[in-house]
Amino acid sequence: MENVTVYSPVEDKQIKTNINQSPIWEKAYTEEEYQKSAKKHNTWFKYSLKFEGVVPIQVTKIQKFTSK
């Protein structure tokens, strides 16, 4: 399993029950993409996930923060 961090302006309080169909994937950013897009949204969520290949398996942490 690989640990991956995903940034999204979308909050999904139910992500642990339906990770693959979560609405965060519509606006999901890597660290590099987030750095370029940070000013597009005031509030962001940092999702720490475990992936098996390209499939998200588990959410390990969610952090809410505001962009600068």
Protein backbone atom coordinates (compact mmCIF):
# COMPACT_ATOMS: atom_id res chain seq x y z
CA MET A 1 0.00 0.00 0.00
CA GLU A 2 1.08 3.52 -0.77
CA ASN A 3 0.29 6.62 1.32
CA VAL A 4 -1.05 9.46 -0.83
CA THR A 5 -2.14 12.98 0.04
CA VAL A 6 -5.01 14.50 -1.94
CA TYR A 7 -6.18 18.12 -1.68
CA SER A 8 -9.76 19.09 -2.44
CA PRO A 9 -12.06 22.06 -1.79
CA VAL A 10 -14.84 19.50 -1.32
CA GLU A 11 -15.68 18.24 2.15
CA ASP A 12 -16.98 14.69 2.32
CA LYS A 13 -17.95 13.62 5.83
CA GLN A 14 -19.03 10.22 4.49
CA ILE A 15 -15.83 9.40 2.58
CA LYS A 16 -14.97 6.47 4.84
CA THR A 17 -18.15 4.65 3.83
CA ASN A 18 -17.88 5.21 0.07
CA ILE A 19 -14.33 6.20 -0.76
CA ASN A 20 -14.41 5.33 -4.47
CA GLN A 21 -17.58 7.31 -5.20
CA SER A 22 -16.67 10.32 -3.05
CA PRO A 23 -17.36 13.77 -4.55
CA ILE A 24 -13.79 14.84 -3.67
CA TRP A 25 -12.56 13.10 -6.81
CA GLU A 26 -14.32 15.69 -9.01
CA LYS A 27 -11.90 18.33 -7.69
CA ALA A 28 -8.92 16.37 -6.40
CA TYR A 29 -5.42 17.84 -6.58
CA THR A 30 -1.91 16.52 -5.96
CA GLU A 31 0.47 18.61 -3.83
CA GLU A 32 1.92 20.26 -6.94
CA GLU A 33 -1.48 20.98 -8.47
CA TYR A 34 -2.71 22.35 -5.14
CA GLN A 35 0.19 24.82 -4.98
CA LYS A 36 -0.87 26.22 -8.37
CA SER A 37 -4.60 26.26 -7.52
CA ALA A 38 -4.58 27.28 -3.83
CA LYS A 39 -6.07 30.71 -4.49
CA LYS A 40 -9.09 29.30 -6.35
CA HIS A 41 -10.80 28.33 -3.07
CA ASN A 42 -10.68 29.72 0.46
CA THR A 43 -11.23 26.42 2.28
CA TRP A 44 -9.38 23.21 1.52
CA PHE A 45 -9.35 19.66 2.83
CA LYS A 46 -6.23 17.53 2.96
CA TYR A 47 -7.10 13.84 2.70
CA SER A 48 -4.45 11.29 3.66
CA LEU A 49 -5.28 8.03 1.95
CA LYS A 50 -3.86 4.57 1.45
CA PHE A 51 -3.90 3.28 -2.11
CA GLU A 52 -3.42 -0.20 -3.44
CA GLY A 53 -2.25 0.45 -6.97
CA VAL A 54 -4.66 3.09 -8.30
CA VAL A 55 -7.51 2.13 -5.98
CA PRO A 56 -8.08 4.13 -2.77
CA ILE A 57 -8.48 1.68 0.12
CA GLN A 58 -8.52 3.68 3.35
CA VAL A 59 -8.77 7.27 4.64
CA THR A 60 -6.29 7.78 7.47
CA LYS A 61 -6.65 11.50 8.16
CA ILE A 62 -8.65 14.58 7.10
CA GLN A 63 -7.51 18.14 7.78
CA LYS A 64 -9.43 21.32 7.05
CA PHE A 65 -7.48 24.54 6.38
CA THR A 66 -7.71 27.87 4.60
CA SER A 67 -5.51 28.95 1.73
CA LYS A 68 -3.25 31.95 2.09
